PDB file of N, CA and C in Angstrom:
ATOM      1  N   UNK A   1      -6.550  16.203  10.569  1.00  0.00           N
ATOM      2  CA  UNK A   1      -6.338  15.672   9.177  1.00  0.00           C
ATOM      3  C   UNK A   1      -4.790  15.380   9.139  1.00  0.00           C
ATOM      4  N   UNK A   2      -4.436  14.109   8.523  1.00  0.00           N
ATOM      5  CA  UNK A   2      -3.092  14.070   7.802  1.00  0.00           C
ATOM      6  C   UNK A   2      -2.308  14.803   6.845  1.00  0.00           C
ATOM      7  N   UNK A   3      -1.288  15.119   6.996  1.00  0.00           N
ATOM      8  CA  UNK A   3      -0.720  15.673   5.816  1.00  0.00           C
ATOM      9  C   UNK A   3       0.621  14.742   5.778  1.00  0.00           C
ATOM     10  N   UNK A   4       1.143  14.552   4.205  1.00  0.00           N
ATOM     11  CA  UNK A   4       1.629  13.359   4.052  1.00  0.00           C
ATOM     12  C   UNK A   4       2.717  14.063   2.951  1.00  0.00           C
ATOM     13  N   UNK A   5       4.159  13.705   3.253  1.00  0.00           N
ATOM     14  CA  UNK A   5       4.742  14.321   2.343  1.00  0.00           C
ATOM     15  C   UNK A   5       5.710  13.137   1.712  1.00  0.00           C
ATOM     16  N   UNK A   6       6.343  12.712   0.479  1.00  0.00           N
ATOM     17  CA  UNK A   6       7.108  11.912  -0.113  1.00  0.00           C
ATOM     18  C   UNK A   6       8.362  12.336  -0.690  1.00  0.00           C
ATOM     19  N   UNK A   7       9.611  11.509  -0.074  1.00  0.00           N
ATOM     20  CA  UNK A   7      10.562  12.138  -0.795  1.00  0.00           C
ATOM     21  C   UNK A   7      11.342  10.598  -1.203  1.00  0.00           C
ATOM     22  N   UNK A   8      12.710  11.030  -1.732  1.00  0.00           N
ATOM     23  CA  UNK A   8      13.368  10.077  -2.003  1.00  0.00           C
ATOM     24  C   UNK A   8      13.626   9.386  -3.431  1.00  0.00           C
ATOM     25  N   UNK A   9      12.673   9.962  -4.500  1.00  0.00           N
ATOM     26  CA  UNK A   9      12.562   9.498  -5.700  1.00  0.00           C
ATOM     27  C   UNK A   9      13.948  10.128  -6.375  1.00  0.00           C
ATOM     28  N   UNK A  10      13.784   9.774  -7.563  1.00  0.00           N
ATOM     29  CA  UNK A  10      15.172   9.946  -8.447  1.00  0.00           C
ATOM     30  C   UNK A  10      15.325   9.053  -9.637  1.00  0.00           C
ATOM     31  N   UNK A  11      16.348   9.244 -10.511  1.00  0.00           N
ATOM     32  CA  UNK A  11      16.642   8.792 -11.658  1.00  0.00           C
ATOM     33  C   UNK A  11      17.415   7.469 -11.280  1.00  0.00           C
ATOM     34  N   UNK A  12      17.115   6.125 -11.962  1.00  0.00           N
ATOM     35  CA  UNK A  12      18.294   5.041 -11.451  1.00  0.00           C
ATOM     36  C   UNK A  12      18.010   4.429 -12.708  1.00  0.00           C
ATOM     37  N   UNK A  13      19.212   3.185 -12.717  1.00  0.00           N
ATOM     38  CA  UNK A  13      19.358   2.275 -13.601  1.00  0.00           C
ATOM     39  C   UNK A  13      18.397   1.325 -13.413  1.00  0.00           C
ATOM     40  N   UNK A  14      18.260   0.354 -14.437  1.00  0.00           N
ATOM     41  CA  UNK A  14      17.634  -1.033 -14.133  1.00  0.00           C
ATOM     42  C   UNK A  14      18.278  -1.804 -13.243  1.00  0.00           C
ATOM     43  N   UNK A  15      18.127  -2.446 -12.435  1.00  0.00           N
ATOM     44  CA  UNK A  15      18.571  -3.458 -11.389  1.00  0.00           C
ATOM     45  C   UNK A  15      19.143  -2.562 -10.272  1.00  0.00           C
ATOM     46  N   UNK A  16      18.808  -1.467  -9.919  1.00  0.00           N
ATOM     47  CA  UNK A  16      19.415  -0.384  -8.834  1.00  0.00           C
ATOM     48  C   UNK A  16      18.003  -0.722  -7.829  1.00  0.00           C
ATOM     49  N   UNK A  17      18.437   0.082  -6.608  1.00  0.00           N
ATOM     50  CA  UNK A  17      17.500   0.341  -5.669  1.00  0.00           C
ATOM     51  C   UNK A  17      17.027   1.290  -5.503  1.00  0.00           C
ATOM     52  N   UNK A  18      15.902   1.675  -4.484  1.00  0.00           N
ATOM     53  CA  UNK A  18      15.617   3.182  -4.244  1.00  0.00           C
ATOM     54  C   UNK A  18      14.635   2.837  -2.756  1.00  0.00           C
ATOM     55  N   UNK A  19      15.261   3.816  -1.898  1.00  0.00           N
ATOM     56  CA  UNK A  19      13.857   3.625  -0.646  1.00  0.00           C
ATOM     57  C   UNK A  19      12.985   5.162  -0.810  1.00  0.00           C
ATOM     58  N   UNK A  20      11.981   5.026  -0.691  1.00  0.00           N
ATOM     59  CA  UNK A  20      11.101   6.106  -0.680  1.00  0.00           C
ATOM     60  C   UNK A  20      10.894   6.507   0.599  1.00  0.00           C
ATOM     61  N   UNK A  21      10.255   7.495   1.397  1.00  0.00           N
ATOM     62  CA  UNK A  21       9.739   7.999   2.613  1.00  0.00           C
ATOM     63  C   UNK A  21       8.581   8.647   2.848  1.00  0.00           C
ATOM     64  N   UNK A  22       7.773   8.741   3.324  1.00  0.00           N
ATOM     65  CA  UNK A  22       6.783   9.146   3.539  1.00  0.00           C
ATOM     66  C   UNK A  22       6.523   9.842   5.073  1.00  0.00           C
ATOM     67  N   UNK A  23       6.684  10.902   5.373  1.00  0.00           N
ATOM     68  CA  UNK A  23       6.485  11.635   6.373  1.00  0.00           C
ATOM     69  C   UNK A  23       5.021  12.197   6.840  1.00  0.00           C
ATOM     70  N   UNK A  24       4.722  12.153   7.993  1.00  0.00           N
ATOM     71  CA  UNK A  24       3.504  12.664   8.168  1.00  0.00           C
ATOM     72  C   UNK A  24       3.658  13.702   9.102  1.00  0.00           C
ATOM     73  N   UNK A  25       2.352  14.544   9.281  1.00  0.00           N
ATOM     74  CA  UNK A  25       2.069  15.205  10.523  1.00  0.00           C
ATOM     75  C   UNK A  25       0.488  15.488  10.478  1.00  0.00           C
ATOM     76  N   UNK A  26       0.322  15.773  12.049  1.00  0.00           N
ATOM     77  CA  UNK A  26      -1.521  15.525  11.826  1.00  0.00           C
ATOM     78  C   UNK A  26      -1.215  14.480  12.849  1.00  0.00           C
ATOM     79  N   UNK A  27      -2.569  13.363  13.054  1.00  0.00           N
ATOM     80  CA  UNK A  27      -2.547  12.233  13.327  1.00  0.00           C
ATOM     81  C   UNK A  27      -1.172  11.201  13.009  1.00  0.00           C
ATOM     82  N   UNK A  28      -1.243  10.448  13.854  1.00  0.00           N
ATOM     83  CA  UNK A  28      -0.139   9.473  13.678  1.00  0.00           C
ATOM     84  C   UNK A  28      -0.719   8.450  12.812  1.00  0.00           C
ATOM     85  N   UNK A  29       0.182   7.678  12.045  1.00  0.00           N
ATOM     86  CA  UNK A  29       0.250   6.310  11.278  1.00  0.00           C
ATOM     87  C   UNK A  29      -0.503   5.487  12.050  1.00  0.00           C
ATOM     88  N   UNK A  30      -0.756   5.174  13.228  1.00  0.00           N
ATOM     89  CA  UNK A  30      -1.363   4.200  13.800  1.00  0.00           C
ATOM     90  C   UNK A  30      -2.825   4.279  13.859  1.00  0.00           C
ATOM     91  N   UNK A  31      -3.523   5.601  13.426  1.00  0.00           N
ATOM     92  CA  UNK A  31      -4.750   5.472  13.594  1.00  0.00           C
ATOM     93  C   UNK A  31      -5.350   5.446  12.070  1.00  0.00           C
ATOM     94  N   UNK A  32      -4.487   5.129  10.672  1.00  0.00           N
ATOM     95  CA  UNK A  32      -5.001   5.120   9.516  1.00  0.00           C
ATOM     96  C   UNK A  32      -4.003   3.620   8.808  1.00  0.00           C
ATOM     97  N   UNK A  33      -5.010   2.871   7.969  1.00  0.00           N
ATOM     98  CA  UNK A  33      -4.219   2.687   6.934  1.00  0.00           C
ATOM     99  C   UNK A  33      -3.440   3.000   6.110  1.00  0.00           C
ATOM    100  N   UNK A  34      -2.243   2.447   5.493  1.00  0.00           N
ATOM    101  CA  UNK A  34      -1.330   3.365   4.998  1.00  0.00           C
ATOM    102  C   UNK A  34      -1.245   2.770   3.918  1.00  0.00           C
ATOM    103  N   UNK A  35      -0.785   3.353   2.830  1.00  0.00           N
ATOM    104  CA  UNK A  35      -0.257   2.868   1.430  1.00  0.00           C
ATOM    105  C   UNK A  35       0.818   3.606   0.431  1.00  0.00           C
ATOM    106  N   UNK A  36       0.990   2.904  -0.427  1.00  0.00           N
ATOM    107  CA  UNK A  36       1.995   3.291  -1.380  1.00  0.00           C
ATOM    108  C   UNK A  36       1.051   2.854  -2.857  1.00  0.00           C
ATOM    109  N   UNK A  37       1.026   4.019  -3.686  1.00  0.00           N
ATOM    110  CA  UNK A  37       0.421   4.169  -5.087  1.00  0.00           C
ATOM    111  C   UNK A  37       1.394   4.488  -6.082  1.00  0.00           C
ATOM    112  N   UNK A  38       1.504   4.283  -7.105  1.00  0.00           N
ATOM    113  CA  UNK A  38       1.786   4.924  -8.358  1.00  0.00           C
ATOM    114  C   UNK A  38       0.983   5.222  -9.626  1.00  0.00           C
ATOM    115  N   UNK A  39       1.760   6.077 -10.481  1.00  0.00           N
ATOM    116  CA  UNK A  39       0.922   6.482 -11.406  1.00  0.00           C
ATOM    117  C   UNK A  39       1.926   6.860 -12.810  1.00  0.00           C
ATOM    118  N   UNK A  40       1.977   6.077 -13.518  1.00  0.00           N
ATOM    119  CA  UNK A  40       3.156   6.115 -14.770  1.00  0.00           C
ATOM    120  C   UNK A  40       2.150   7.199 -15.710  1.00  0.00           C
ATOM    121  N   UNK A  41       2.937   7.709 -17.021  1.00  0.00           N
ATOM    122  CA  UNK A  41       2.615   8.597 -17.823  1.00  0.00           C
ATOM    123  C   UNK A  41       1.566   7.991 -18.699  1.00  0.00           C
ATOM    124  N   UNK A  42      -0.005   8.385 -18.480  1.00  0.00           N
ATOM    125  CA  UNK A  42      -1.088   8.238 -19.486  1.00  0.00           C
ATOM    126  C   UNK A  42      -1.536   6.805 -18.724  1.00  0.00           C
ATOM    127  N   UNK A  43      -1.125   6.625 -17.728  1.00  0.00           N
ATOM    128  CA  UNK A  43      -1.921   5.248 -16.898  1.00  0.00           C
ATOM    129  C   UNK A  43      -2.448   5.833 -15.535  1.00  0.00           C
ATOM    130  N   UNK A  44      -3.551   4.667 -15.095  1.00  0.00           N
ATOM    131  CA  UNK A  44      -4.183   4.932 -14.068  1.00  0.00           C
ATOM    132  C   UNK A  44      -3.602   4.860 -12.469  1.00  0.00           C
ATOM    133  N   UNK A  45      -3.839   5.362 -11.687  1.00  0.00           N
ATOM    134  CA  UNK A  45      -3.511   4.825 -10.397  1.00  0.00           C
ATOM    135  C   UNK A  45      -3.346   3.562  -9.943  1.00  0.00           C
ATOM    136  N   UNK A  46      -2.223   3.107  -9.822  1.00  0.00           N
ATOM    137  CA  UNK A  46      -2.367   1.518  -9.025  1.00  0.00           C
ATOM    138  C   UNK A  46      -1.651   1.266  -7.671  1.00  0.00           C
ATOM    139  N   UNK A  47      -2.121   0.148  -7.288  1.00  0.00           N
ATOM    140  CA  UNK A  47      -1.227  -0.032  -5.892  1.00  0.00           C
ATOM    141  C   UNK A  47      -0.571  -0.725  -6.074  1.00  0.00           C
ATOM    142  N   UNK A  48       0.754  -0.177  -5.227  1.00  0.00           N
ATOM    143  CA  UNK A  48       1.704  -1.212  -4.917  1.00  0.00           C
ATOM    144  C   UNK A  48       1.903  -1.462  -3.770  1.00  0.00           C
ATOM    145  N   UNK A  49       1.952  -0.918  -2.393  1.00  0.00           N
ATOM    146  CA  UNK A  49       1.986  -1.725  -1.276  1.00  0.00           C
ATOM    147  C   UNK A  49       1.085  -1.338   0.121  1.00  0.00           C
ATOM    148  N   UNK A  50       0.855  -1.791   1.130  1.00  0.00           N
ATOM    149  CA  UNK A  50      -0.299  -1.193   1.971  1.00  0.00           C
ATOM    150  C   UNK A  50       0.011  -1.958   3.292  1.00  0.00           C
ATOM    151  N   UNK A  51      -0.299  -0.811   4.348  1.00  0.00           N
ATOM    152  CA  UNK A  51      -0.499  -1.442   5.688  1.00  0.00           C
ATOM    153  C   UNK A  51      -1.833  -1.519   6.015  1.00  0.00           C
ATOM    154  N   UNK A  52      -2.178  -2.516   6.675  1.00  0.00           N
ATOM    155  CA  UNK A  52      -3.543  -2.173   7.401  1.00  0.00           C
ATOM    156  C   UNK A  52      -3.609  -1.259   8.544  1.00  0.00           C
ATOM    157  N   UNK A  53      -4.759  -0.865   8.899  1.00  0.00           N
ATOM    158  CA  UNK A  53      -4.975  -0.176  10.157  1.00  0.00           C
ATOM    159  C   UNK A  53      -4.471  -0.750  11.308  1.00  0.00           C
ATOM    160  N   UNK A  54      -3.494  -0.061  11.961  1.00  0.00           N
ATOM    161  CA  UNK A  54      -2.941  -0.546  12.883  1.00  0.00           C
ATOM    162  C   UNK A  54      -1.344  -1.370  12.739  1.00  0.00           C
ATOM    163  N   UNK A  55      -1.229  -1.678  11.444  1.00  0.00           N
ATOM    164  CA  UNK A  55      -0.014  -2.111  10.859  1.00  0.00           C
ATOM    165  C   UNK A  55       0.257  -3.542  11.031  1.00  0.00           C
ATOM    166  N   UNK A  56      -0.939  -4.046  11.102  1.00  0.00           N
ATOM    167  CA  UNK A  56      -0.700  -5.672  11.818  1.00  0.00           C
ATOM    168  C   UNK A  56      -0.655  -6.295  10.389  1.00  0.00           C
ATOM    169  N   UNK A  57      -0.898  -5.860   9.496  1.00  0.00           N
ATOM    170  CA  UNK A  57      -0.661  -6.821   8.051  1.00  0.00           C
ATOM    171  C   UNK A  57      -0.233  -5.930   7.262  1.00  0.00           C
ATOM    172  N   UNK A  58       0.663  -6.045   6.076  1.00  0.00           N
ATOM    173  CA  UNK A  58       1.259  -5.905   4.843  1.00  0.00           C
ATOM    174  C   UNK A  58       1.040  -6.651   3.719  1.00  0.00           C
ATOM    175  N   UNK A  59       0.964  -5.635   2.558  1.00  0.00           N
ATOM    176  CA  UNK A  59       0.547  -6.651   1.108  1.00  0.00           C
ATOM    177  C   UNK A  59       1.344  -5.608  -0.049  1.00  0.00           C
ATOM    178  N   UNK A  60       2.138  -6.250  -0.756  1.00  0.00           N
ATOM    179  CA  UNK A  60       2.550  -5.513  -1.729  1.00  0.00           C
ATOM    180  C   UNK A  60       2.378  -6.132  -3.052  1.00  0.00           C
ATOM    181  N   UNK A  61       2.154  -5.659  -4.054  1.00  0.00           N
ATOM    182  CA  UNK A  61       2.111  -6.585  -4.965  1.00  0.00           C
ATOM    183  C   UNK A  61       3.027  -6.838  -6.043  1.00  0.00           C
ATOM    184  N   UNK A  62       4.149  -6.920  -5.603  1.00  0.00           N
ATOM    185  CA  UNK A  62       5.298  -7.571  -6.137  1.00  0.00           C
ATOM    186  C   UNK A  62       6.300  -7.299  -4.987  1.00  0.00           C
ATOM    187  N   UNK A  63       5.830  -8.629  -4.018  1.00  0.00           N
ATOM    188  CA  UNK A  63       6.639  -8.650  -2.209  1.00  0.00           C
ATOM    189  C   UNK A  63       8.222  -9.256  -2.754  1.00  0.00           C
ATOM    190  N   UNK A  64       8.399  -9.549  -3.929  1.00  0.00           N
ATOM    191  CA  UNK A  64       9.883 -10.016  -4.154  1.00  0.00           C
ATOM    192  C   UNK A  64      10.775  -8.667  -4.161  1.00  0.00           C
ATOM    193  N   UNK A  65      10.353  -7.599  -4.594  1.00  0.00           N
ATOM    194  CA  UNK A  65      11.192  -6.588  -4.779  1.00  0.00           C
ATOM    195  C   UNK A  65      10.431  -5.475  -3.987  1.00  0.00           C
ATOM    196  N   UNK A  66       9.338  -5.499  -3.573  1.00  0.00           N
ATOM    197  CA  UNK A  66       8.838  -4.321  -3.009  1.00  0.00           C
ATOM    198  C   UNK A  66       8.896  -4.456  -1.530  1.00  0.00           C
ATOM    199  N   UNK A  67       8.889  -3.794  -0.458  1.00  0.00           N
ATOM    200  CA  UNK A  67       8.960  -3.590   1.014  1.00  0.00           C
ATOM    201  C   UNK A  67       8.304  -2.480   1.556  1.00  0.00           C
ATOM    202  N   UNK A  68       7.319  -2.474   2.604  1.00  0.00           N
ATOM    203  CA  UNK A  68       6.504  -1.335   2.881  1.00  0.00           C
ATOM    204  C   UNK A  68       7.063  -1.865   4.350  1.00  0.00           C
ATOM    205  N   UNK A  69       7.700  -0.500   5.179  1.00  0.00           N
ATOM    206  CA  UNK A  69       7.833  -0.591   6.313  1.00  0.00           C
ATOM    207  C   UNK A  69       7.343   0.871   7.167  1.00  0.00           C
ATOM    208  N   UNK A  70       7.626   1.078   8.611  1.00  0.00           N
ATOM    209  CA  UNK A  70       7.904   2.501   8.937  1.00  0.00           C
ATOM    210  C   UNK A  70       8.596   2.483  10.076  1.00  0.00           C
ATOM    211  N   UNK A  71       8.893   3.517  10.784  1.00  0.00           N
ATOM    212  CA  UNK A  71       9.343   3.870  11.879  1.00  0.00           C
ATOM    213  C   UNK A  71       8.684   3.363  13.323  1.00  0.00           C
ATOM    214  N   UNK A  72       9.763   3.264  14.554  1.00  0.00           N
ATOM    215  CA  UNK A  72       8.414   2.789  15.563  1.00  0.00           C
ATOM    216  C   UNK A  72       7.681   4.291  16.059  1.00  0.00           C
ATOM    217  N   UNK A  73       8.483   5.174  15.522  1.00  0.00           N
ATOM    218  CA  UNK A  73       7.231   6.439  16.160  1.00  0.00           C
ATOM    219  C   UNK A  73       6.346   6.823  15.217  1.00  0.00           C
ATOM    220  N   UNK A  74       6.184   6.113  14.134  1.00  0.00           N
ATOM    221  CA  UNK A  74       5.172   6.014  13.097  1.00  0.00           C
ATOM    222  C   UNK A  74       4.658   6.815  12.544  1.00  0.00           C
ATOM    223  N   UNK A  75       5.679   8.094  12.381  1.00  0.00           N
ATOM    224  CA  UNK A  75       5.752   9.055  11.450  1.00  0.00           C
ATOM    225  C   UNK A  75       6.026   8.850  10.182  1.00  0.00           C
ATOM    226  N   UNK A  76       6.893   7.871   9.787  1.00  0.00           N
ATOM    227  CA  UNK A  76       7.802   7.876   8.937  1.00  0.00           C
ATOM    228  C   UNK A  76       7.221   6.794   8.122  1.00  0.00           C
ATOM    229  N   UNK A  77       7.011   6.322   7.139  1.00  0.00           N
ATOM    230  CA  UNK A  77       6.778   5.200   6.129  1.00  0.00           C
ATOM    231  C   UNK A  77       7.373   4.714   5.206  1.00  0.00           C
ATOM    232  N   UNK A  78       8.386   3.705   4.727  1.00  0.00           N
ATOM    233  CA  UNK A  78       9.071   3.523   3.596  1.00  0.00           C
ATOM    234  C   UNK A  78       8.265   2.522   2.509  1.00  0.00           C
ATOM    235  N   UNK A  79       9.181   2.600   1.543  1.00  0.00           N
ATOM    236  CA  UNK A  79       8.941   1.472   0.561  1.00  0.00           C
ATOM    237  C   UNK A  79      10.521   1.542   0.014  1.00  0.00           C
ATOM    238  N   UNK A  80      10.811   0.107   0.246  1.00  0.00           N
ATOM    239  CA  UNK A  80      12.176  -0.115  -0.551  1.00  0.00           C
ATOM    240  C   UNK A  80      11.756  -0.838  -1.543  1.00  0.00           C
ATOM    241  N   UNK A  81      11.992  -0.176  -2.822  1.00  0.00           N
ATOM    242  CA  UNK A  81      12.223  -0.923  -4.032  1.00  0.00           C
ATOM    243  C   UNK A  81      13.648  -1.340  -4.857  1.00  0.00           C
ATOM    244  N   UNK A  82      13.607  -2.672  -4.867  1.00  0.00           N
ATOM    245  CA  UNK A  82      14.988  -3.553  -5.078  1.00  0.00           C
ATOM    246  C   UNK A  82      14.517  -3.884  -6.500  1.00  0.00           C
ATOM    247  N   UNK A  83      15.764  -4.148  -7.248  1.00  0.00           N
ATOM    248  CA  UNK A  83      16.170  -4.561  -9.162  1.00  0.00           C
ATOM    249  C   UNK A  83      15.085  -3.839  -9.486  1.00  0.00           C
ATOM    250  N   UNK A  84      14.994  -2.643  -9.767  1.00  0.00           N
ATOM    251  CA  UNK A  84      14.055  -1.663 -10.215  1.00  0.00           C
ATOM    252  C   UNK A  84      14.289  -1.843 -11.802  1.00  0.00           C
ATOM    253  N   UNK A  85      13.213  -2.001 -12.378  1.00  0.00           N
ATOM    254  CA  UNK A  85      12.782  -2.151 -14.159  1.00  0.00           C
ATOM    255  C   UNK A  85      12.035  -0.898 -14.464  1.00  0.00           C
ATOM    256  N   UNK A  86      12.601  -0.307 -15.900  1.00  0.00           N
ATOM    257  CA  UNK A  86      11.637   0.471 -16.530  1.00  0.00           C
ATOM    258  C   UNK A  86      10.602   0.621 -16.215  1.00  0.00           C
ATOM    259  N   UNK A  87       9.661  -0.150 -16.069  1.00  0.00           N
ATOM    260  CA  UNK A  87       8.311  -0.010 -16.083  1.00  0.00           C
ATOM    261  C   UNK A  87       7.891   0.455 -15.000  1.00  0.00           C
ATOM    262  N   UNK A  88       8.981   0.273 -13.723  1.00  0.00           N
ATOM    263  CA  UNK A  88       8.614   0.923 -12.323  1.00  0.00           C
ATOM    264  C   UNK A  88       8.507   2.354 -12.275  1.00  0.00           C
ATOM    265  N   UNK A  89       8.928   2.829 -13.586  1.00  0.00           N
ATOM    266  CA  UNK A  89       9.194   4.400 -13.683  1.00  0.00           C
ATOM    267  C   UNK A  89       7.293   5.080 -13.495  1.00  0.00           C
ATOM    268  N   UNK A  90       7.001   5.920 -12.537  1.00  0.00           N
ATOM    269  CA  UNK A  90       6.150   6.333 -12.065  1.00  0.00           C
ATOM    270  C   UNK A  90       6.350   7.553 -11.386  1.00  0.00           C
ATOM    271  N   UNK A  91       4.991   8.600 -10.867  1.00  0.00           N
ATOM    272  CA  UNK A  91       5.184   9.100  -9.963  1.00  0.00           C
ATOM    273  C   UNK A  91       4.480   8.091  -8.662  1.00  0.00           C
ATOM    274  N   UNK A  92       5.057   8.304  -7.567  1.00  0.00           N
ATOM    275  CA  UNK A  92       4.590   7.691  -6.414  1.00  0.00           C
ATOM    276  C   UNK A  92       4.338   8.385  -5.042  1.00  0.00           C
ATOM    277  N   UNK A  93       2.975   7.926  -4.767  1.00  0.00           N
ATOM    278  CA  UNK A  93       2.788   8.608  -4.042  1.00  0.00           C
ATOM    279  C   UNK A  93       1.998   7.331  -2.750  1.00  0.00           C
ATOM    280  N   UNK A  94       2.053   8.373  -1.426  1.00  0.00           N
ATOM    281  CA  UNK A  94       1.525   7.444  -0.030  1.00  0.00           C
ATOM    282  C   UNK A  94       0.532   8.114   0.048  1.00  0.00           C
ATOM    283  N   UNK A  95      -0.537   7.378   0.834  1.00  0.00           N
ATOM    284  CA  UNK A  95      -1.497   7.760   1.186  1.00  0.00           C
ATOM    285  C   UNK A  95      -2.036   6.917   2.654  1.00  0.00           C
ATOM    286  N   UNK A  96      -3.325   7.522   3.072  1.00  0.00           N
ATOM    287  CA  UNK A  96      -3.740   7.463   4.357  1.00  0.00           C
ATOM    288  C   UNK A  96      -5.106   7.145   4.224  1.00  0.00           C
ATOM    289  N   UNK A  97      -5.813   5.938   5.099  1.00  0.00           N
ATOM    290  CA  UNK A  97      -7.004   5.576   4.677  1.00  0.00           C
ATOM    291  C   UNK A  97      -7.898   5.160   6.239  1.00  0.00           C
ATOM    292  N   UNK A  98      -9.140   5.930   6.444  1.00  0.00           N
ATOM    293  CA  UNK A  98      -9.658   5.516   8.233  1.00  0.00           C
ATOM    294  C   UNK A  98     -10.445   4.279   7.763  1.00  0.00           C
ATOM    295  N   UNK A  99     -10.174   3.443   6.955  1.00  0.00           N
ATOM    296  CA  UNK A  99     -10.725   1.981   6.909  1.00  0.00           C
ATOM    297  C   UNK A  99      -9.779   1.111   7.365  1.00  0.00           C
ATOM    298  N   UNK A 100     -10.982  -0.095   7.686  1.00  0.00           N
ATOM    299  CA  UNK A 100      -9.956  -1.023   8.363  1.00  0.00           C
ATOM    300  C   UNK A 100      -9.434  -1.859   7.256  1.00  0.00           C
ATOM    301  N   UNK A 101      -8.283  -3.076   7.665  1.00  0.00           N
ATOM    302  CA  UNK A 101      -8.085  -4.156   6.635  1.00  0.00           C
ATOM    303  C   UNK A 101      -6.870  -3.066   5.623  1.00  0.00           C
ATOM    304  N   UNK A 102      -6.561  -4.309   4.332  1.00  0.00           N
ATOM    305  CA  UNK A 102      -5.638  -3.929   3.407  1.00  0.00           C
ATOM    306  C   UNK A 102      -6.588  -3.295   2.617  1.00  0.00           C
ATOM    307  N   UNK A 103      -6.318  -1.955   1.941  1.00  0.00           N
ATOM    308  CA  UNK A 103      -7.079  -1.038   1.132  1.00  0.00           C
ATOM    309  C   UNK A 103      -6.091  -0.998  -0.279  1.00  0.00           C
ATOM    310  N   UNK A 104      -7.003  -1.593  -1.107  1.00  0.00           N
ATOM    311  CA  UNK A 104      -5.866  -1.997  -2.507  1.00  0.00           C
ATOM    312  C   UNK A 104      -6.701  -0.460  -3.461  1.00  0.00           C
ATOM    313  N   UNK A 105      -7.759  -0.310  -3.440  1.00  0.00           N
ATOM    314  CA  UNK A 105      -8.351   0.867  -4.112  1.00  0.00           C
ATOM    315  C   UNK A 105      -7.998   2.312  -3.911  1.00  0.00           C
ATOM    316  N   UNK A 106      -7.436   3.153  -4.636  1.00  0.00           N
ATOM    317  CA  UNK A 106      -7.187   4.249  -4.764  1.00  0.00           C
ATOM    318  C   UNK A 106      -8.353   5.060  -3.987  1.00  0.00           C
ATOM    319  N   UNK A 107      -9.280   4.626  -4.135  1.00  0.00           N
ATOM    320  CA  UNK A 107     -10.828   5.573  -3.775  1.00  0.00           C
ATOM    321  C   UNK A 107     -10.883   5.274  -2.036  1.00  0.00           C
ATOM    322  N   UNK A 108     -10.147   4.120  -1.721  1.00  0.00           N
ATOM    323  CA  UNK A 108     -10.320   4.067  -0.137  1.00  0.00           C
ATOM    324  C   UNK A 108      -9.359   5.178   0.689  1.00  0.00           C
ATOM    325  N   UNK A 109      -8.870   5.835   0.038  1.00  0.00           N
ATOM    326  CA  UNK A 109      -7.730   6.232   0.831  1.00  0.00           C
ATOM    327  C   UNK A 109      -8.493   7.711   1.340  1.00  0.00           C
ATOM    328  N   UNK A 110      -8.069   8.290   2.150  1.00  0.00           N
ATOM    329  CA  UNK A 110      -8.758   9.731   2.438  1.00  0.00           C
ATOM    330  C   UNK A 110      -7.642  10.917   2.218  1.00  0.00           C
ATOM    331  N   UNK A 111      -6.586  10.788   2.382  1.00  0.00           N
ATOM    332  CA  UNK A 111      -5.213  11.606   2.607  1.00  0.00           C
ATOM    333  C   UNK A 111      -4.230  11.190   1.584  1.00  0.00           C
ATOM    334  N   UNK A 112      -3.578  12.193   0.992  1.00  0.00           N
ATOM    335  CA  UNK A 112      -2.625  11.664  -0.121  1.00  0.00           C
ATOM    336  C   UNK A 112      -1.254  12.913  -0.360  1.00  0.00           C
ATOM    337  N   UNK A 113      -0.206  12.201  -0.712  1.00  0.00           N
ATOM    338  CA  UNK A 113       0.825  12.945  -0.641  1.00  0.00           C
ATOM    339  C   UNK A 113       0.962  13.829  -1.989  1.00  0.00           C
ATOM    340  N   UNK A 114       1.701  14.618  -2.313  1.00  0.00           N
ATOM    341  CA  UNK A 114       2.016  15.320  -3.576  1.00  0.00           C
ATOM    342  C   UNK A 114       2.960  14.226  -4.507  1.00  0.00           C
ATOM    343  N   UNK A 115       3.380  13.162  -4.126  1.00  0.00           N
ATOM    344  CA  UNK A 115       4.201  12.458  -5.266  1.00  0.00           C
ATOM    345  C   UNK A 115       5.735  12.796  -5.186  1.00  0.00           C
ATOM    346  N   UNK A 116       6.103  11.721  -5.487  1.00  0.00           N
ATOM    347  CA  UNK A 116       7.983  11.770  -5.735  1.00  0.00           C
ATOM    348  C   UNK A 116       8.176  11.145  -7.310  1.00  0.00           C
ATOM    349  N   UNK A 117       8.704  11.121  -8.192  1.00  0.00           N
ATOM    350  CA  UNK A 117       9.454  10.671  -9.176  1.00  0.00           C
ATOM    351  C   UNK A 117      10.221   9.820  -9.256  1.00  0.00           C
ATOM    352  N   UNK A 118       9.937   8.458  -9.769  1.00  0.00           N
ATOM    353  CA  UNK A 118      10.794   7.801  -9.908  1.00  0.00           C
ATOM    354  C   UNK A 118      11.186   7.267 -11.422  1.00  0.00           C
ATOM    355  N   UNK A 119      12.345   7.228 -11.743  1.00  0.00           N
ATOM    356  CA  UNK A 119      12.509   7.332 -13.139  1.00  0.00           C
ATOM    357  C   UNK A 119      13.826   6.200 -13.057  1.00  0.00           C
ATOM    358  N   UNK A 120      13.492   5.037 -14.179  1.00  0.00           N
ATOM    359  CA  UNK A 120      14.335   3.728 -14.576  1.00  0.00           C
ATOM    360  C   UNK A 120      14.757   3.824 -15.768  1.00  0.00           C
ATOM    361  N   UNK A 121      16.130   4.138 -16.031  1.00  0.00           N
ATOM    362  CA  UNK A 121      16.236   4.014 -17.350  1.00  0.00           C
ATOM    363  C   UNK A 121      17.841   3.523 -17.409  1.00  0.00           C
ATOM    364  N   UNK A 122      18.455   2.976 -18.358  1.00  0.00           N
ATOM    365  CA  UNK A 122      19.765   2.863 -18.428  1.00  0.00           C
ATOM    366  C   UNK A 122      20.305   3.884 -19.782  1.00  0.00           C
TER     367      UNK A 122
END
């Protein structure tokens, strides 16, 4: 079973950058599709970025500002967020999926971290 833990959240001002990290224990990321989701107050959990199973493909909802990557040892995944806006404020979650392809829906993911809070305000 994959266990995930996010870190790197915090309070920043509009226009700032943050890099979130997700570390894994158990089977490595190479055997799962990976994703980042976020959930703002009173909102549903929404897709941010994902790797396909095997890491050959990536997709981000806002590729101009968000970038997903991972270490060569495939135990840590990152979400680089640039030019942050107040509407990016949310709890950010990393997740792992046993399904192939880029998975955009939260229900397609089998394992979740506890989340890390990002707050963007001037």
